[in-house]
Amino acid sequence: MTTRPDGPDEEGSATEPGTVLCARCGAAADGPPASWTLSVEAGVRRHYCEVCSRENLRAIEGRLDAEWW
């Protein structure tokens, strides 16, 4: 189940054990769903939900850091 809070977590990290947040929009999910994208930027692991991944697919494939999206 995915929920979207008011704002994103800057790191896209977990708030509760097993909970993952989208680094872009703040959507939360229990564990990283298979449809989410995992990116390592400057040594930091960031998860992106399916919606954010689809909206920024070209930037992700071009290996641009999220700051350039």
Protein backbone atom coordinates (compact mmCIF):
# COMPACT_ATOMS: atom_id res chain seq x y z
CA MET A 1 0.00 0.00 0.00
CA THR A 2 1.36 3.42 -0.99
CA THR A 3 0.44 6.72 0.67
CA ARG A 4 1.53 10.25 -0.13
CA PRO A 5 2.25 12.60 2.79
CA ASP A 6 2.49 16.39 2.41
CA GLY A 7 6.17 16.45 1.56
CA PRO A 8 9.03 14.19 0.56
CA ASP A 9 11.72 12.84 2.82
CA GLU A 10 14.95 14.36 1.52
CA GLU A 11 16.83 11.08 1.78
CA GLY A 12 14.04 8.77 0.61
CA SER A 13 14.79 6.67 3.66
CA ALA A 14 12.68 4.65 6.05
CA THR A 15 10.67 6.30 8.81
CA GLU A 16 9.54 3.06 10.44
CA PRO A 17 11.11 -0.37 10.13
CA GLY A 18 10.05 -1.75 6.75
CA THR A 19 8.65 1.58 5.51
CA VAL A 20 10.26 3.26 2.50
CA LEU A 21 9.62 6.83 1.33
CA CYS A 22 9.95 8.20 -2.18
CA ALA A 23 12.81 10.72 -2.21
CA ARG A 24 10.92 12.92 -4.69
CA CYS A 25 7.25 13.05 -3.62
CA GLY A 26 7.24 11.42 -0.18
CA ALA A 27 5.01 8.45 -1.04
CA ALA A 28 5.32 5.72 1.59
CA ALA A 29 5.22 1.97 1.11
CA ASP A 30 5.82 -1.14 3.20
CA GLY A 31 9.22 -2.27 2.02
CA PRO A 32 10.51 -1.27 -1.42
CA PRO A 33 7.89 -2.45 -3.96
CA ALA A 34 9.22 -4.14 -7.09
CA SER A 35 7.90 -1.26 -9.23
CA TRP A 36 9.98 1.36 -7.38
CA THR A 37 13.43 2.54 -8.52
CA LEU A 38 16.52 2.49 -6.31
CA SER A 39 19.23 5.04 -7.01
CA VAL A 40 22.57 5.62 -5.31
CA GLU A 41 23.55 9.29 -5.51
CA ALA A 42 26.68 10.56 -3.77
CA GLY A 43 26.73 7.35 -1.74
CA VAL A 44 23.13 7.79 -0.52
CA ARG A 45 20.46 5.19 -1.38
CA ARG A 46 17.25 6.83 -2.61
CA HIS A 47 13.98 5.15 -3.52
CA TYR A 48 11.58 6.59 -6.11
CA CYS A 49 7.93 5.53 -6.44
CA GLU A 50 6.48 4.21 -9.69
CA VAL A 51 4.91 7.59 -10.59
CA CYS A 52 8.11 9.59 -10.05
CA SER A 53 10.16 6.91 -11.83
CA ARG A 54 7.91 7.05 -14.90
CA GLU A 55 7.79 10.86 -14.97
CA ASN A 56 11.60 11.06 -14.87
CA LEU A 57 12.57 7.97 -16.83
CA ARG A 58 14.84 9.76 -19.32
CA ALA A 59 16.77 11.52 -16.56
CA ILE A 60 17.15 8.24 -14.66
CA GLU A 61 18.38 6.39 -17.76
CA GLY A 62 20.77 9.27 -18.49
CA ARG A 63 22.17 8.81 -14.98
CA LEU A 64 21.40 12.39 -13.99
CA ASP A 65 21.28 13.11 -10.26
CA ALA A 66 17.82 13.97 -8.92
CA GLU A 67 18.83 17.64 -8.57
CA TRP A 68 18.71 17.87 -12.41
CA TRP A 69 15.19 16.47 -12.74
